[in-house]
Structure formats: C-alpha cells, structure tokens
Amino acid sequence: MVLSNLYQVRAYSINHDYDIKDFLEAYRLILQKAIDEIWNNIIWIERYIKGRRRLIPKIPKENSFKYHYLRDMLMQDWSYSKHYVDSAIKQAYSIIKSWRRNYLKGERRRNKPTVKRRFVRIKETLYTYKDGKIKVSIKPYKEYLEFDISKSWFISKVKGELGELILNEHYLTVTFRFKDKKRKGKVTTTNNNKIAWDSNEKSLDGFNPYIGWIRVDLTELYHIR
C-alpha cells in the first residue's frame, strides 16, 4: 500500500484545576444519546455463515441519518458550543463501528456500547492556539478555558501542528502531528508488525507499536468529493 501523506502523532498531558464536571457529564450524556439513536436504527440482517445463523448489523449511513435527524435532535436543549454535537456524533459512530468489527469477530456480544468515562474530544474548530496558549470554547462568547503550554517541558521537543485535544476532569491531553519523511511511501506489514486503522471523515489514523501513530491526510480528497 502506498501512502503519500503519513503523519506521526505525539500526545502530552498537562494538569488543570478547572471545575468542568457539569460540562463533561453533559457531553457524556449527549454522546450516549447519539449512540442510543444510532443503535436503535441499526438494521439486523440474517446470514448463515459456515452453517451458523448470524445477525449482521447494518449501521445507518452517516450522510443521511446524521445531518437530517440526529444532529437536530441532539441540538435540542444543548447550551454549549454547537461543534461539540458534531464531535459527539463522530465519536458515537466510531464507537459503534469499533463494536461492529469486534462483534463480527465474535469478540463482542449483541449489547449496546455504554459510555462510562467522562471526557471530551475537542476538534480544531473548538479551540484557538496562539503564542503558546490554547483557548478552548465551552459556551460561545460566554465561557472558555485557557491553557498556557508555552513553558511546558515538551514544547521545545515538538515542531508539528497542534491536533485534537482530549479533556477530562484533571488533564488536558494535547496532540501534535507532523509528517514523517522517513516513512513516507510504502508501508509494509507482517504478522508482528500490523497497523490498526481508523477511518475518519478527513483522515485515516493508524497505530503500530513499532512505528507509532500514523495519519493519512484525506483533506484534498474530501474537498474533491
């Protein structure tokens, strides 16, 4: 397989003392609600595989289900920044797809995934980064969190672009992505060197213990579509 835009990702965590329990719980609930709605709209198709009856889940397509129904429903009574709804939908689909892969392998049962941990994945549209300071929007024009990483121990070690953030009650995890010129080109795998891929809207994200995080940028392809 030939990949033209390979990225590695480095992640670092910093402590914070913001009281954001209400916000994290609200996001956990809306994420679970998104999972519930997707789950309730799964179509189960009966198949016989190797003589055994199996129910194969068909997940509703994102383009029609997400924007014509799911997003409008989740936006009701949501008082925080709207982009968190989009983030929750993306994460819900990722969780459901991960469950489906494991279910087809026989590693998971026909049980709906539940969200227990309280954390938020923060897209680039939900924060600004300038002069070493990250400003995260919570409520538009009303509430935000600010993190100064200009003096953090890792800031001098990374030169890539700031990517997705992950926020929980005690930590903010920041990721930096950069092109890996050494690994640009053909990627090979063996039994001991497999890459696990996650398909997203504008990227393919992979992980391998020998290589690290790999990101395939699909932005140009997305705009062509």
C-alpha atoms as a PDB file:
ATOM      1  CA  MET A   1       0.000   0.000   0.000  1.00  0.00           C
ATOM      2  CA  VAL A   2       1.401   3.410  -0.969  1.00  0.00           C
ATOM      3  CA  LEU A   3       0.555   6.363   1.249  1.00  0.00           C
ATOM      4  CA  SER A   4       1.607   9.882   0.256  1.00  0.00           C
ATOM      5  CA  ASN A   5       0.857  11.876   3.412  1.00  0.00           C
ATOM      6  CA  LEU A   6       1.976   9.974   6.504  1.00  0.00           C
ATOM      7  CA  TYR A   7       1.797  11.630   9.892  1.00  0.00           C
ATOM      8  CA  GLN A   8       3.060  10.681  13.279  1.00  0.00           C
ATOM      9  CA  VAL A   9       1.264  11.972  16.346  1.00  0.00           C
ATOM     10  CA  ARG A  10       2.743  12.794  19.746  1.00  0.00           C
ATOM     11  CA  ALA A  11       0.490  13.235  22.770  1.00  0.00           C
ATOM     12  CA  TYR A  12       1.268  15.067  26.022  1.00  0.00           C
ATOM     13  CA  SER A  13      -0.877  15.676  29.118  1.00  0.00           C
ATOM     14  CA  ILE A  14      -0.982  18.678  31.420  1.00  0.00           C
ATOM     15  CA  ASN A  15      -2.817  19.112  34.724  1.00  0.00           C
ATOM     16  CA  HIS A  16      -5.614  21.618  35.213  1.00  0.00           C
ATOM     17  CA  ASP A  17      -7.859  22.663  38.103  1.00  0.00           C
ATOM     18  CA  TYR A  18     -10.983  23.787  36.238  1.00  0.00           C
ATOM     19  CA  ASP A  19     -14.323  22.621  37.621  1.00  0.00           C
ATOM     20  CA  ILE A  20     -15.872  21.145  34.474  1.00  0.00           C
ATOM     21  CA  LYS A  21     -17.833  18.213  35.890  1.00  0.00           C
ATOM     22  CA  ASP A  22     -21.172  19.547  34.628  1.00  0.00           C
ATOM     23  CA  PHE A  23     -19.818  20.092  31.128  1.00  0.00           C
ATOM     24  CA  LEU A  24     -18.189  16.646  30.956  1.00  0.00           C
ATOM     25  CA  GLU A  25     -21.341  14.958  32.242  1.00  0.00           C
ATOM     26  CA  ALA A  26     -23.470  16.833  29.702  1.00  0.00           C
ATOM     27  CA  TYR A  27     -21.150  15.654  26.918  1.00  0.00           C
ATOM     28  CA  ARG A  28     -21.177  12.068  28.221  1.00  0.00           C
ATOM     29  CA  LEU A  29     -24.974  12.082  28.161  1.00  0.00           C
ATOM     30  CA  ILE A  30     -25.202  13.520  24.652  1.00  0.00           C
ATOM     31  CA  LEU A  31     -22.594  11.020  23.419  1.00  0.00           C
ATOM     32  CA  GLN A  32     -24.602   8.175  24.926  1.00  0.00           C
ATOM     33  CA  LYS A  33     -27.765   9.602  23.394  1.00  0.00           C
ATOM     34  CA  ALA A  34     -26.091   9.632  19.968  1.00  0.00           C
ATOM     35  CA  ILE A  35     -25.025   6.007  20.444  1.00  0.00           C
ATOM     36  CA  ASP A  36     -28.565   5.084  21.526  1.00  0.00           C
ATOM     37  CA  GLU A  37     -30.114   6.641  18.412  1.00  0.00           C
ATOM     38  CA  ILE A  38     -27.638   5.028  16.031  1.00  0.00           C
ATOM     39  CA  TRP A  39     -28.135   1.698  17.777  1.00  0.00           C
ATOM     40  CA  ASN A  40     -31.922   1.945  17.570  1.00  0.00           C
ATOM     41  CA  ASN A  41     -31.652   2.495  13.818  1.00  0.00           C
ATOM     42  CA  ILE A  42     -29.361  -0.453  13.118  1.00  0.00           C
ATOM     43  CA  ILE A  43     -30.876  -2.996  10.730  1.00  0.00           C
ATOM     44  CA  TRP A  44     -30.094  -6.592  11.666  1.00  0.00           C
ATOM     45  CA  ILE A  45     -29.685  -8.841   8.639  1.00  0.00           C
ATOM     46  CA  GLU A  46     -29.857 -12.607   8.999  1.00  0.00           C
ATOM     47  CA  ARG A  47     -26.990 -14.509   7.413  1.00  0.00           C
ATOM     48  CA  TYR A  48     -25.790 -18.079   7.555  1.00  0.00           C
ATOM     49  CA  ILE A  49     -22.028 -18.253   7.931  1.00  0.00           C
ATOM     50  CA  LYS A  50     -20.406 -21.695   7.912  1.00  0.00           C
ATOM     51  CA  GLY A  51     -23.780 -23.224   8.628  1.00  0.00           C
ATOM     52  CA  ARG A  52     -24.445 -20.993  11.610  1.00  0.00           C
ATOM     53  CA  ARG A  53     -27.159 -18.344  11.783  1.00  0.00           C
ATOM     54  CA  ARG A  54     -25.833 -14.886  12.494  1.00  0.00           C
ATOM     55  CA  LEU A  55     -27.382 -11.449  12.706  1.00  0.00           C
ATOM     56  CA  ILE A  56     -25.238  -8.901  10.891  1.00  0.00           C
ATOM     57  CA  PRO A  57     -25.697  -5.248  11.937  1.00  0.00           C
ATOM     58  CA  LYS A  58     -26.093  -2.651   9.187  1.00  0.00           C
ATOM     59  CA  ILE A  59     -25.287   0.783  10.610  1.00  0.00           C
ATOM     60  CA  PRO A  60     -27.295   3.735   9.209  1.00  0.00           C
ATOM     61  CA  LYS A  61     -25.264   5.834   6.789  1.00  0.00           C
ATOM     62  CA  GLU A  62     -23.815   8.978   8.300  1.00  0.00           C
ATOM     63  CA  ASN A  63     -24.651  11.373   5.465  1.00  0.00           C
ATOM     64  CA  SER A  64     -28.411  10.960   5.634  1.00  0.00           C
ATOM     65  CA  PHE A  65     -29.004   9.930   9.247  1.00  0.00           C
ATOM     66  CA  LYS A  66     -26.516  12.287  10.901  1.00  0.00           C
ATOM     67  CA  TYR A  67     -27.466  15.586   9.326  1.00  0.00           C
ATOM     68  CA  HIS A  68     -31.164  15.166   8.650  1.00  0.00           C
ATOM     69  CA  TYR A  69     -32.190  13.797  12.007  1.00  0.00           C
ATOM     70  CA  LEU A  70     -29.555  13.009  14.605  1.00  0.00           C
ATOM     71  CA  ARG A  71     -27.884  16.404  14.778  1.00  0.00           C
ATOM     72  CA  ASP A  72     -31.160  18.318  15.056  1.00  0.00           C
ATOM     73  CA  MET A  73     -32.328  16.029  17.832  1.00  0.00           C
ATOM     74  CA  LEU A  74     -29.118  16.367  19.839  1.00  0.00           C
ATOM     75  CA  MET A  75     -29.105  20.133  19.467  1.00  0.00           C
ATOM     76  CA  GLN A  76     -32.301  20.438  21.484  1.00  0.00           C
ATOM     77  CA  ASP A  77     -31.587  21.925  24.937  1.00  0.00           C
ATOM     78  CA  TRP A  78     -27.817  21.866  24.239  1.00  0.00           C
ATOM     79  CA  SER A  79     -26.363  25.032  25.793  1.00  0.00           C
ATOM     80  CA  TYR A  80     -22.687  24.525  24.941  1.00  0.00           C
ATOM     81  CA  SER A  81     -20.841  25.180  21.693  1.00  0.00           C
ATOM     82  CA  LYS A  82     -22.586  23.521  18.743  1.00  0.00           C
ATOM     83  CA  HIS A  83     -19.465  21.853  17.433  1.00  0.00           C
ATOM     84  CA  TYR A  84     -19.462  19.522  20.441  1.00  0.00           C
ATOM     85  CA  VAL A  85     -22.584  17.921  18.980  1.00  0.00           C
ATOM     86  CA  ASP A  86     -20.681  17.190  15.763  1.00  0.00           C
ATOM     87  CA  SER A  87     -17.806  15.806  17.814  1.00  0.00           C
ATOM     88  CA  ALA A  88     -20.184  13.555  19.778  1.00  0.00           C
ATOM     89  CA  ILE A  89     -21.763  12.208  16.568  1.00  0.00           C
ATOM     90  CA  LYS A  90     -18.360  11.440  15.071  1.00  0.00           C
ATOM     91  CA  GLN A  91     -17.239   9.726  18.261  1.00  0.00           C
ATOM     92  CA  ALA A  92     -20.517   7.778  18.542  1.00  0.00           C
ATOM     93  CA  TYR A  93     -20.099   6.411  15.023  1.00  0.00           C
ATOM     94  CA  SER A  94     -16.507   5.484  15.792  1.00  0.00           C
ATOM     95  CA  ILE A  95     -17.610   3.577  18.921  1.00  0.00           C
ATOM     96  CA  ILE A  96     -20.407   1.764  17.065  1.00  0.00           C
ATOM     97  CA  LYS A  97     -18.103   0.838  14.157  1.00  0.00           C
ATOM     98  CA  SER A  98     -15.480  -0.453  16.581  1.00  0.00           C
ATOM     99  CA  TRP A  99     -18.132  -2.534  18.344  1.00  0.00           C
ATOM    100  CA  ARG A 100     -19.336  -3.920  14.976  1.00  0.00           C
ATOM    101  CA  ARG A 101     -15.828  -5.008  13.951  1.00  0.00           C
ATOM    102  CA  ASN A 102     -15.353  -6.842  17.239  1.00  0.00           C
ATOM    103  CA  TYR A 103     -18.872  -8.298  17.080  1.00  0.00           C
ATOM    104  CA  LEU A 104     -18.200  -9.780  13.632  1.00  0.00           C
ATOM    105  CA  LYS A 105     -15.020 -11.326  15.006  1.00  0.00           C
ATOM    106  CA  GLY A 106     -17.003 -12.908  17.804  1.00  0.00           C
ATOM    107  CA  GLU A 107     -15.286 -10.783  20.443  1.00  0.00           C
ATOM    108  CA  ARG A 108     -18.363  -8.771  21.440  1.00  0.00           C
ATOM    109  CA  ARG A 109     -21.969  -9.658  22.101  1.00  0.00           C
ATOM    110  CA  ARG A 110     -25.102  -8.004  20.808  1.00  0.00           C
ATOM    111  CA  ASN A 111     -25.034  -5.435  23.591  1.00  0.00           C
ATOM    112  CA  LYS A 112     -25.187  -1.690  23.055  1.00  0.00           C
ATOM    113  CA  PRO A 113     -21.965   0.156  23.972  1.00  0.00           C
ATOM    114  CA  THR A 114     -22.231   2.392  27.031  1.00  0.00           C
ATOM    115  CA  VAL A 115     -20.158   5.434  27.909  1.00  0.00           C
ATOM    116  CA  LYS A 116     -18.894   5.471  31.480  1.00  0.00           C
ATOM    117  CA  ARG A 117     -15.849   7.725  31.405  1.00  0.00           C
ATOM    118  CA  ARG A 118     -16.260  11.472  31.280  1.00  0.00           C
ATOM    119  CA  PHE A 119     -14.046  13.098  28.671  1.00  0.00           C
ATOM    120  CA  VAL A 120     -14.387  15.245  25.569  1.00  0.00           C
ATOM    121  CA  ARG A 121     -12.573  15.076  22.251  1.00  0.00           C
ATOM    122  CA  ILE A 122     -12.016  18.655  21.122  1.00  0.00           C
ATOM    123  CA  LYS A 123     -11.707  19.307  17.394  1.00  0.00           C
ATOM    124  CA  GLU A 124      -9.627  22.104  15.870  1.00  0.00           C
ATOM    125  CA  THR A 125     -12.808  24.139  15.341  1.00  0.00           C
ATOM    126  CA  LEU A 126     -13.345  24.352  19.105  1.00  0.00           C
ATOM    127  CA  TYR A 127     -10.092  25.966  20.144  1.00  0.00           C
ATOM    128  CA  THR A 128      -7.525  28.557  19.138  1.00  0.00           C
ATOM    129  CA  TYR A 129      -3.781  28.349  19.630  1.00  0.00           C
ATOM    130  CA  LYS A 130      -1.592  31.439  19.739  1.00  0.00           C
ATOM    131  CA  ASP A 131       1.673  32.335  21.488  1.00  0.00           C
ATOM    132  CA  GLY A 132       1.723  29.047  23.346  1.00  0.00           C
ATOM    133  CA  LYS A 133      -1.799  29.459  24.735  1.00  0.00           C
ATOM    134  CA  ILE A 134      -4.744  27.197  23.967  1.00  0.00           C
ATOM    135  CA  LYS A 135      -8.194  28.735  24.296  1.00  0.00           C
ATOM    136  CA  VAL A 136     -10.996  26.171  24.356  1.00  0.00           C
ATOM    137  CA  SER A 137     -14.578  27.252  23.703  1.00  0.00           C
ATOM    138  CA  ILE A 138     -17.171  25.887  26.139  1.00  0.00           C
ATOM    139  CA  LYS A 139     -20.081  28.246  25.555  1.00  0.00           C
ATOM    140  CA  PRO A 140     -19.811  30.588  22.548  1.00  0.00           C
ATOM    141  CA  TYR A 141     -18.842  34.147  23.541  1.00  0.00           C
ATOM    142  CA  LYS A 142     -19.525  33.310  27.214  1.00  0.00           C
ATOM    143  CA  GLU A 143     -17.231  30.649  28.606  1.00  0.00           C
ATOM    144  CA  TYR A 144     -13.852  29.254  27.648  1.00  0.00           C
ATOM    145  CA  LEU A 145     -10.841  27.531  29.203  1.00  0.00           C
ATOM    146  CA  GLU A 146      -7.295  28.734  28.716  1.00  0.00           C
ATOM    147  CA  PHE A 147      -4.166  26.609  28.953  1.00  0.00           C
ATOM    148  CA  ASP A 148      -0.667  28.038  28.753  1.00  0.00           C
ATOM    149  CA  ILE A 149       1.706  25.420  27.374  1.00  0.00           C
ATOM    150  CA  SER A 150       4.437  27.872  26.360  1.00  0.00           C
ATOM    151  CA  LYS A 151       6.654  26.750  29.255  1.00  0.00           C
ATOM    152  CA  SER A 152       5.710  23.079  29.268  1.00  0.00           C
ATOM    153  CA  TRP A 153       8.604  20.626  29.199  1.00  0.00           C
ATOM    154  CA  PHE A 154       7.562  19.155  25.865  1.00  0.00           C
ATOM    155  CA  ILE A 155       7.023  22.369  23.893  1.00  0.00           C
ATOM    156  CA  SER A 156      10.641  22.559  22.723  1.00  0.00           C
ATOM    157  CA  LYS A 157      10.596  18.929  21.608  1.00  0.00           C
ATOM    158  CA  VAL A 158       7.745  19.166  19.112  1.00  0.00           C
ATOM    159  CA  LYS A 159       7.562  21.124  15.867  1.00  0.00           C
ATOM    160  CA  GLY A 160       4.393  19.780  14.326  1.00  0.00           C
ATOM    161  CA  GLU A 161       0.850  21.113  14.111  1.00  0.00           C
ATOM    162  CA  LEU A 162      -1.427  21.057  17.118  1.00  0.00           C
ATOM    163  CA  GLY A 163      -4.178  18.497  16.572  1.00  0.00           C
ATOM    164  CA  GLU A 164      -7.072  17.085  18.554  1.00  0.00           C
ATOM    165  CA  LEU A 165      -7.342  17.745  22.290  1.00  0.00           C
ATOM    166  CA  ILE A 166      -8.786  15.391  24.900  1.00  0.00           C
ATOM    167  CA  LEU A 167     -10.176  16.956  28.062  1.00  0.00           C
ATOM    168  CA  ASN A 168     -11.158  15.220  31.298  1.00  0.00           C
ATOM    169  CA  GLU A 169     -11.660  16.322  34.899  1.00  0.00           C
ATOM    170  CA  HIS A 170      -7.962  16.600  35.708  1.00  0.00           C
ATOM    171  CA  TYR A 171      -5.967  16.609  32.486  1.00  0.00           C
ATOM    172  CA  LEU A 172      -5.816  18.131  29.041  1.00  0.00           C
ATOM    173  CA  THR A 173      -4.096  15.908  26.508  1.00  0.00           C
ATOM    174  CA  VAL A 174      -2.665  17.780  23.546  1.00  0.00           C
ATOM    175  CA  THR A 175      -1.556  16.091  20.349  1.00  0.00           C
ATOM    176  CA  PHE A 176       0.957  17.280  17.781  1.00  0.00           C
ATOM    177  CA  ARG A 177       1.070  15.808  14.291  1.00  0.00           C
ATOM    178  CA  PHE A 178       3.947  16.024  11.851  1.00  0.00           C
ATOM    179  CA  LYS A 179       4.874  14.426   8.574  1.00  0.00           C
ATOM    180  CA  ASP A 180       7.221  11.504   8.949  1.00  0.00           C
ATOM    181  CA  LYS A 181       9.539  11.913   5.989  1.00  0.00           C
ATOM    182  CA  LYS A 182      11.451   8.759   6.837  1.00  0.00           C
ATOM    183  CA  ARG A 183       8.320   6.652   6.474  1.00  0.00           C
ATOM    184  CA  LYS A 184       6.780   8.455   3.532  1.00  0.00           C
ATOM    185  CA  GLY A 185       5.951   5.993   0.795  1.00  0.00           C
ATOM    186  CA  LYS A 186       5.273   2.297   1.010  1.00  0.00           C
ATOM    187  CA  VAL A 187       4.190   0.761   4.295  1.00  0.00           C
ATOM    188  CA  THR A 188       4.572  -2.980   4.740  1.00  0.00           C
ATOM    189  CA  THR A 189       3.117  -5.171   7.430  1.00  0.00           C
ATOM    190  CA  THR A 190       3.975  -8.571   8.833  1.00  0.00           C
ATOM    191  CA  ASN A 191       2.343 -10.705  11.468  1.00  0.00           C
ATOM    192  CA  ASN A 192       4.434  -8.957  14.114  1.00  0.00           C
ATOM    193  CA  ASN A 193       4.147  -5.502  12.604  1.00  0.00           C
ATOM    194  CA  LYS A 194       0.450  -4.863  11.925  1.00  0.00           C
ATOM    195  CA  ILE A 195      -1.160  -1.443  11.694  1.00  0.00           C
ATOM    196  CA  ALA A 196      -4.634  -0.824  13.120  1.00  0.00           C
ATOM    197  CA  TRP A 197      -6.516   1.741  11.026  1.00  0.00           C
ATOM    198  CA  ASP A 198      -9.404   4.005  11.975  1.00  0.00           C
ATOM    199  CA  SER A 199     -11.322   5.592   9.094  1.00  0.00           C
ATOM    200  CA  ASN A 200     -12.431   9.177   9.726  1.00  0.00           C
ATOM    201  CA  GLU A 201     -14.056  11.836   7.579  1.00  0.00           C
ATOM    202  CA  LYS A 202     -10.846  13.592   6.556  1.00  0.00           C
ATOM    203  CA  SER A 203      -8.142  11.145   7.559  1.00  0.00           C
ATOM    204  CA  LEU A 204      -7.040   7.594   8.107  1.00  0.00           C
ATOM    205  CA  ASP A 205      -5.453   7.190  11.521  1.00  0.00           C
ATOM    206  CA  GLY A 206      -3.313   4.170  12.273  1.00  0.00           C
ATOM    207  CA  PHE A 207      -1.212   2.870  15.137  1.00  0.00           C
ATOM    208  CA  ASN A 208       1.655   0.430  15.233  1.00  0.00           C
ATOM    209  CA  PRO A 209       3.822  -0.227  18.315  1.00  0.00           C
ATOM    210  CA  TYR A 210       6.997  -0.106  16.216  1.00  0.00           C
ATOM    211  CA  ILE A 211       6.090   2.961  14.170  1.00  0.00           C
ATOM    212  CA  GLY A 212       3.785   4.946  16.472  1.00  0.00           C
ATOM    213  CA  TRP A 213       0.792   6.963  15.317  1.00  0.00           C
ATOM    214  CA  ILE A 214       0.304   7.437  11.563  1.00  0.00           C
ATOM    215  CA  ARG A 215      -2.083   9.900   9.971  1.00  0.00           C
ATOM    216  CA  VAL A 216      -3.072   9.853   6.293  1.00  0.00           C
ATOM    217  CA  ASP A 217      -4.468  13.250   5.359  1.00  0.00           C
ATOM    218  CA  LEU A 218      -7.556  12.951   3.120  1.00  0.00           C
ATOM    219  CA  THR A 219      -8.440  16.646   3.125  1.00  0.00           C
ATOM    220  CA  GLU A 220      -7.826  17.122  -0.612  1.00  0.00           C
ATOM    221  CA  LEU A 221      -9.839  14.018  -1.434  1.00  0.00           C
ATOM    222  CA  TYR A 222     -12.642  15.242   0.836  1.00  0.00           C
ATOM    223  CA  HIS A 223     -12.816  18.591  -0.992  1.00  0.00           C
ATOM    224  CA  ILE A 224     -12.798  16.853  -4.382  1.00  0.00           C
ATOM    225  CA  ARG A 225     -15.785  14.783  -3.269  1.00  0.00           C
END
